[in-house]
Amino acid sequence: MLRACLDCGMAVDGNVTHCPKCDADLAAQTDGSVLHADIAHQRETIPVALHKLQQALEEARSGHARAVRLVVGRGLIRDEVHRQLSWLKHSGEVLDFDHDEGNTGAIVIQLRRGARKG
């Protein structure tokens, strides 16, 4: 999968960590967008919801999204997602996460800091 470096515009392979043209850190680049995903309202089981969480994080990382807004409901799925995100934060895979402006049924996961320079 190809993506464009936001600093110089060069198309680079999705597995490359730094742009070969300008040496920009591709994992840190963001256009400020937020990816939205609902993992709790299609009768998902906990394993299916956790799989959807991983898919949403992978999709956001492969693009330029700054964050993921995840609709988790207010039950067991939310509790398991919270545990998984705590581990991912501890391991450094996500920067932070919190409920979306007081909505306990949605979580915003911060993947990258800031927005695109320029």
Protein backbone atom coordinates (compact mmCIF):
# COMPACT_ATOMS: atom_id res chain seq x y z
CA MET A 1 0.00 0.00 0.00
CA LEU A 2 1.39 3.40 -0.98
CA ARG A 3 0.96 6.64 0.92
CA ALA A 4 2.23 10.13 0.30
CA CYS A 5 4.72 11.94 2.51
CA LEU A 6 2.93 15.05 3.76
CA ASP A 7 6.17 17.06 3.77
CA CYS A 8 7.40 16.48 0.22
CA GLY A 9 4.60 14.56 -1.52
CA MET A 10 6.69 11.52 -2.47
CA ALA A 11 4.74 8.26 -2.74
CA VAL A 12 6.25 5.72 -0.36
CA ASP A 13 5.55 2.12 0.60
CA GLY A 14 3.33 1.82 3.68
CA ASN A 15 5.99 -0.23 5.49
CA VAL A 16 8.67 2.49 5.26
CA THR A 17 9.18 4.49 8.48
CA HIS A 18 11.00 7.52 7.02
CA CYS A 19 10.58 9.24 3.66
CA PRO A 20 13.52 8.35 1.38
CA LYS A 21 13.39 11.83 -0.17
CA CYS A 22 13.13 14.20 2.81
CA ASP A 23 13.71 11.83 5.78
CA ALA A 24 10.42 12.84 7.45
CA ASP A 25 9.08 10.50 10.15
CA LEU A 26 6.01 9.08 8.36
CA ALA A 27 4.46 7.63 11.53
CA ALA A 28 4.31 11.12 13.06
CA GLN A 29 2.64 12.77 10.06
CA THR A 30 -1.05 13.59 10.31
CA ASP A 31 -3.54 15.63 8.35
CA GLY A 32 -5.58 16.16 11.52
CA SER A 33 -8.42 13.86 10.48
CA VAL A 34 -10.31 11.48 12.77
CA LEU A 35 -11.37 8.03 11.59
CA HIS A 36 -14.81 6.94 12.88
CA ALA A 37 -15.74 3.32 13.61
CA ASP A 38 -18.68 1.66 15.40
CA ILE A 39 -17.73 -1.70 16.89
CA ALA A 40 -20.68 -2.29 19.23
CA HIS A 41 -24.01 -1.95 17.44
CA GLN A 42 -24.12 -4.86 14.98
CA ARG A 43 -24.43 -7.58 17.65
CA GLU A 44 -20.64 -7.98 17.83
CA THR A 45 -19.13 -10.41 20.29
CA ILE A 46 -16.17 -9.19 22.33
CA PRO A 47 -13.62 -10.98 20.09
CA VAL A 48 -15.22 -9.51 16.96
CA ALA A 49 -15.28 -6.03 18.52
CA LEU A 50 -11.59 -6.30 19.47
CA HIS A 51 -10.79 -7.41 15.93
CA LYS A 52 -12.68 -4.38 14.58
CA LEU A 53 -10.67 -2.19 16.98
CA GLN A 54 -7.42 -3.55 15.52
CA GLN A 55 -8.70 -3.03 11.97
CA ALA A 56 -9.63 0.59 12.73
CA LEU A 57 -6.21 1.26 14.26
CA GLU A 58 -4.45 -0.31 11.27
CA GLU A 59 -6.54 1.73 8.84
CA ALA A 60 -5.79 4.94 10.71
CA ARG A 61 -2.06 4.15 10.90
CA SER A 62 -1.87 3.35 7.20
CA GLY A 63 -3.30 6.76 6.37
CA HIS A 64 -2.77 10.14 7.94
CA ALA A 65 -5.48 10.14 10.63
CA ARG A 66 -4.57 11.80 13.91
CA ALA A 67 -7.12 9.84 15.93
CA VAL A 68 -9.86 7.21 15.89
CA ARG A 69 -13.31 7.88 17.35
CA LEU A 70 -14.59 4.48 18.38
CA VAL A 71 -18.25 3.87 19.30
CA VAL A 72 -18.14 1.12 21.93
CA GLY A 73 -21.49 1.30 23.70
CA ARG A 74 -21.78 1.19 27.46
CA GLY A 75 -21.35 -2.52 28.21
CA LEU A 76 -18.83 -5.33 28.15
CA ILE A 77 -17.34 -4.31 24.82
CA ARG A 78 -16.44 -0.89 26.22
CA ASP A 79 -14.78 -2.51 29.24
CA GLU A 80 -12.69 -4.88 27.09
CA VAL A 81 -11.73 -2.12 24.65
CA HIS A 82 -10.64 0.01 27.60
CA ARG A 83 -8.39 -2.84 28.83
CA GLN A 84 -6.93 -3.34 25.35
CA LEU A 85 -6.28 0.38 24.90
CA SER A 86 -4.62 0.58 28.32
CA TRP A 87 -2.19 -2.10 27.16
CA LEU A 88 -1.63 -0.37 23.80
CA LYS A 89 -0.92 2.92 25.59
CA HIS A 90 1.48 1.20 27.97
CA SER A 91 3.29 -0.42 25.04
CA GLY A 92 3.46 2.89 23.14
CA GLU A 93 1.22 1.86 20.24
CA VAL A 94 -1.29 4.65 20.99
CA LEU A 95 -0.57 8.02 22.56
CA ASP A 96 -3.71 8.33 24.68
CA PHE A 97 -7.44 7.67 24.82
CA ASP A 98 -10.46 9.08 26.63
CA HIS A 99 -14.24 9.23 26.41
CA ASP A 100 -15.51 11.52 23.68
CA GLU A 101 -16.51 14.76 25.45
CA GLY A 102 -18.37 13.00 28.27
CA ASN A 103 -19.98 10.35 26.05
CA THR A 104 -19.09 7.11 27.84
CA GLY A 105 -20.22 5.09 24.81
CA ALA A 106 -17.49 6.53 22.55
CA ILE A 107 -13.71 6.66 22.92
CA VAL A 108 -11.27 8.92 21.08
CA ILE A 109 -7.88 7.28 20.57
CA GLN A 110 -4.94 9.63 19.88
CA LEU A 111 -2.46 8.08 17.45
CA ARG A 112 -0.33 11.06 16.44
CA ARG A 113 0.34 14.53 17.75
CA GLY A 114 -0.51 17.77 16.00
CA ALA A 115 -1.56 18.33 12.44
CA ARG A 116 0.21 18.69 9.13
CA LYS A 117 2.86 21.38 9.04
CA GLY A 118 2.46 24.16 6.55
